[in-house]
Amino acid sequence: MTMIVGLTGGIGSGKTTIANLFAQHFKIDIVDADVVAREVVEPNSVGLKAIVEHFGVEMLTQDGQLNRAQLRERIFAHPHDKQWINDLLHPLIRQRIDQQLQSVQSAYALLVVPLLIENDWQKNIDRLLVIDVEPHTQIMRTCQRDGVTEQQARSILASQASREQRLSYADDVINNDAPLDEQAKQKLLSQVTVLHKKYLALSEQIR
């Protein structure tokens, strides 16, 4: 049985950066819920076909992809449509994630789920690694990365679990508050290395 380490953090915390360190330096297999969420609505997928049947062809771009902006606008204006989308996609996402976890070859798996706490995924993992940053850092990074206003960034933060909630569930924590210069990268790698050794030892215990 492969040990599953759940990795989560609020928007702008650097989840992908940390996950990539585990993959690049220690060859740990990553299953990313955001990637899976895009896969289940690819052209000709069951998910996309159901969305088009329910909402119409205006949910497609000219090249047959999901029109994400159109879908966001629709579910923002109609909350019951958001529930319909969740009921459709969440089982498909979980099924695909389970399939990928069963194919893991590394000593343990890293399951990256941005809304892990919010969607109550704790029961599906063996340990929880939280990437922790100050809220003002999240806002700054989100504005720079996504080109949104500070108010929009704050709204996103308000819709997610609070920093305190995430930390209350954490088994392990990596602080990623510093600007990502070479010195900060080395400090992050040091934290990842310590955790990797811990996870290898723990994975041996549950095999």
Protein backbone atom coordinates (compact mmCIF):
# COMPACT_ATOMS: atom_id res chain seq x y z
CA MET A 1 0.00 0.00 0.00
CA THR A 2 1.43 3.36 -1.06
CA MET A 3 1.48 6.14 1.53
CA ILE A 4 -0.37 9.25 0.32
CA VAL A 5 0.85 12.66 1.42
CA GLY A 6 -1.75 15.34 0.79
CA LEU A 7 -0.29 18.72 -0.12
CA THR A 8 -2.44 21.82 0.20
CA GLY A 9 -2.28 25.56 0.78
CA GLY A 10 -4.20 28.70 -0.06
CA ILE A 11 -3.98 30.48 -3.38
CA GLY A 12 -0.53 31.92 -4.04
CA SER A 13 1.15 29.72 -1.43
CA GLY A 14 3.43 27.97 -3.91
CA LYS A 15 1.99 24.45 -3.95
CA THR A 16 3.27 23.70 -7.44
CA THR A 17 6.77 24.99 -6.60
CA ILE A 18 7.02 22.68 -3.57
CA ALA A 19 5.52 19.68 -5.37
CA ASN A 20 8.01 20.11 -8.21
CA LEU A 21 10.91 19.99 -5.72
CA PHE A 22 9.74 16.57 -4.52
CA ALA A 23 9.41 15.39 -8.13
CA GLN A 24 12.62 16.85 -9.54
CA HIS A 25 15.00 16.02 -6.68
CA PHE A 26 13.51 12.79 -5.33
CA LYS A 27 11.44 11.38 -8.24
CA ILE A 28 8.23 11.36 -6.22
CA ASP A 29 5.07 10.79 -8.26
CA ILE A 30 2.61 13.67 -8.14
CA VAL A 31 -1.14 13.48 -8.63
CA ASP A 32 -2.49 17.02 -9.06
CA ALA A 33 -6.22 17.56 -8.62
CA ASP A 34 -6.12 20.73 -10.76
CA VAL A 35 -4.57 18.81 -13.64
CA VAL A 36 -7.12 16.03 -13.27
CA ALA A 37 -9.95 18.59 -13.19
CA ARG A 38 -8.83 19.82 -16.61
CA GLU A 39 -8.50 16.28 -17.96
CA VAL A 40 -12.10 15.30 -17.15
CA VAL A 41 -13.45 18.12 -19.35
CA GLU A 42 -11.14 17.62 -22.33
CA PRO A 43 -12.77 17.43 -25.79
CA ASN A 44 -14.81 14.22 -26.25
CA SER A 45 -14.73 13.49 -22.51
CA VAL A 46 -17.81 12.34 -20.61
CA GLY A 47 -17.60 15.48 -18.48
CA LEU A 48 -17.56 17.93 -21.38
CA LYS A 49 -20.34 16.11 -23.25
CA ALA A 50 -22.56 16.30 -20.16
CA ILE A 51 -21.85 20.03 -19.73
CA VAL A 52 -22.77 20.74 -23.36
CA GLU A 53 -25.95 18.65 -23.08
CA HIS A 54 -26.97 20.56 -19.96
CA PHE A 55 -25.97 24.13 -20.86
CA GLY A 56 -25.73 24.12 -24.65
CA VAL A 57 -22.97 24.55 -27.24
CA GLU A 58 -22.21 28.08 -26.01
CA MET A 59 -20.07 26.34 -23.40
CA LEU A 60 -17.61 25.42 -26.16
CA THR A 61 -14.89 27.52 -27.72
CA GLN A 62 -14.43 27.52 -31.49
CA ASP A 63 -11.86 24.72 -31.24
CA GLY A 64 -14.12 22.50 -29.12
CA GLN A 65 -12.59 23.22 -25.72
CA LEU A 66 -14.57 24.07 -22.59
CA ASN A 67 -15.28 27.80 -22.47
CA ARG A 68 -14.23 28.27 -18.85
CA ALA A 69 -15.04 31.97 -18.75
CA GLN A 70 -18.58 31.29 -20.00
CA LEU A 71 -19.04 28.49 -17.47
CA ARG A 72 -17.73 30.63 -14.57
CA GLU A 73 -20.13 33.41 -15.55
CA ARG A 74 -23.03 30.97 -15.66
CA ILE A 75 -22.42 29.34 -12.28
CA PHE A 76 -21.68 32.68 -10.64
CA ALA A 77 -25.12 33.94 -11.70
CA HIS A 78 -26.90 30.65 -10.92
CA PRO A 79 -25.71 28.93 -7.69
CA HIS A 80 -27.80 25.80 -8.39
CA ASP A 81 -25.80 25.34 -11.60
CA LYS A 82 -22.60 25.36 -9.55
CA GLN A 83 -24.00 22.49 -7.48
CA TRP A 84 -24.87 20.61 -10.68
CA ILE A 85 -21.31 21.04 -11.97
CA ASN A 86 -19.87 19.85 -8.65
CA ASP A 87 -22.15 16.80 -8.63
CA LEU A 88 -21.02 15.96 -12.17
CA LEU A 89 -17.29 16.60 -11.94
CA HIS A 90 -16.30 15.65 -8.38
CA PRO A 91 -16.98 11.90 -8.85
CA LEU A 92 -15.13 11.94 -12.20
CA ILE A 93 -12.17 13.73 -10.60
CA ARG A 94 -12.04 11.34 -7.63
CA GLN A 95 -12.22 8.32 -9.93
CA ARG A 96 -9.34 9.61 -12.08
CA ILE A 97 -7.28 10.48 -9.00
CA ASP A 98 -7.81 6.97 -7.59
CA GLN A 99 -6.67 5.46 -10.89
CA GLN A 100 -3.51 7.59 -10.91
CA LEU A 101 -2.72 6.81 -7.27
CA GLN A 102 -2.94 3.09 -8.01
CA SER A 103 -0.27 3.56 -10.70
CA VAL A 104 2.25 5.29 -8.42
CA GLN A 105 5.75 3.80 -8.59
CA SER A 106 7.57 5.96 -6.02
CA ALA A 107 7.90 5.13 -2.31
CA TYR A 108 5.01 7.47 -1.52
CA ALA A 109 2.67 9.67 -3.52
CA LEU A 110 2.12 13.41 -3.33
CA LEU A 111 -1.55 14.30 -3.83
CA VAL A 112 -1.87 18.03 -4.52
CA VAL A 113 -5.38 19.31 -3.73
CA PRO A 114 -5.86 23.09 -3.41
CA LEU A 115 -9.21 22.73 -1.61
CA LEU A 116 -8.32 19.62 0.37
CA ILE A 117 -9.68 20.92 3.68
CA GLU A 118 -12.71 22.57 2.11
CA ASN A 119 -13.73 19.35 0.31
CA ASP A 120 -13.00 17.11 3.30
CA TRP A 121 -10.32 14.98 1.64
CA GLN A 122 -8.42 14.36 4.88
CA LYS A 123 -9.79 10.82 5.13
CA ASN A 124 -8.22 9.97 1.75
CA ILE A 125 -4.62 10.68 2.81
CA ASP A 126 -2.09 9.42 5.34
CA ARG A 127 -0.41 12.76 6.13
CA LEU A 128 -1.18 16.39 5.41
CA LEU A 129 1.52 18.81 4.31
CA VAL A 130 0.42 22.45 4.41
CA ILE A 131 2.28 25.16 2.48
CA ASP A 132 1.95 28.17 4.74
CA VAL A 133 2.27 31.85 3.83
CA GLU A 134 1.02 35.13 5.26
CA PRO A 135 -2.29 36.34 3.74
CA HIS A 136 -0.70 39.58 2.47
CA THR A 137 1.84 37.44 0.56
CA GLN A 138 -0.99 35.42 -1.00
CA ILE A 139 -2.73 38.61 -2.12
CA MET A 140 0.44 40.08 -3.63
CA ARG A 141 1.35 36.88 -5.51
CA THR A 142 -2.19 36.32 -6.77
CA CYS A 143 -2.45 39.87 -8.10
CA GLN A 144 0.92 39.59 -9.85
CA ARG A 145 0.34 36.10 -11.25
CA ASP A 146 -3.30 36.29 -12.29
CA GLY A 147 -3.66 40.00 -13.04
CA VAL A 148 -6.58 40.40 -10.64
CA THR A 149 -7.35 43.30 -8.35
CA GLU A 150 -6.60 43.23 -4.63
CA GLN A 151 -10.34 43.05 -3.94
CA GLN A 152 -10.70 40.01 -6.21
CA ALA A 153 -7.75 38.33 -4.52
CA ARG A 154 -9.24 38.98 -1.10
CA SER A 155 -12.55 37.49 -2.26
CA ILE A 156 -10.76 34.31 -3.34
CA LEU A 157 -9.02 34.08 0.04
CA ALA A 158 -12.33 34.57 1.84
CA SER A 159 -13.85 31.64 -0.08
CA GLN A 160 -11.09 29.25 1.05
CA ALA A 161 -10.27 27.73 4.42
CA SER A 162 -8.47 30.16 6.69
CA ARG A 163 -4.78 29.89 7.41
CA GLU A 164 -5.61 28.82 10.97
CA GLN A 165 -7.98 26.09 9.77
CA ARG A 166 -5.38 24.59 7.44
CA LEU A 167 -2.67 24.64 10.10
CA SER A 168 -4.98 22.95 12.61
CA TYR A 169 -5.15 19.91 10.31
CA ALA A 170 -1.47 19.88 9.30
CA ASP A 171 0.91 17.04 10.12
CA ASP A 172 3.76 18.92 8.46
CA VAL A 173 4.26 22.56 7.43
CA ILE A 174 6.55 24.28 4.94
CA ASN A 175 6.82 28.05 5.21
CA ASN A 176 7.03 29.64 1.76
CA ASP A 177 6.69 33.30 2.65
CA ALA A 178 10.03 34.56 1.32
CA PRO A 179 10.50 35.93 -2.22
CA LEU A 180 11.72 33.07 -4.40
CA ASP A 181 15.38 34.02 -4.85
CA GLU A 182 18.23 31.48 -4.85
CA GLN A 183 18.64 31.61 -1.08
CA ALA A 184 14.93 30.99 -0.54
CA LYS A 185 14.99 28.10 -3.03
CA GLN A 186 17.78 26.44 -1.07
CA LYS A 187 15.87 26.85 2.19
CA LEU A 188 12.79 25.31 0.58
CA LEU A 189 14.83 22.41 -0.75
CA SER A 190 16.26 21.84 2.74
CA GLN A 191 12.74 21.67 4.19
CA VAL A 192 11.63 19.32 1.41
CA THR A 193 14.68 17.09 1.95
CA VAL A 194 13.93 16.70 5.66
CA LEU A 195 10.32 15.81 4.92
CA HIS A 196 11.28 13.41 2.13
CA LYS A 197 13.46 11.43 4.54
CA LYS A 198 10.63 11.39 7.08
CA TYR A 199 8.13 10.19 4.47
CA LEU A 200 10.46 7.42 3.29
CA ALA A 201 10.74 6.13 6.86
CA LEU A 202 6.98 6.35 7.42
CA SER A 203 6.20 4.67 4.09
CA GLU A 204 8.34 1.69 5.12
CA GLN A 205 6.25 1.29 8.25
CA ILE A 206 2.94 1.01 6.41
CA ARG A 207 4.03 -1.19 3.51
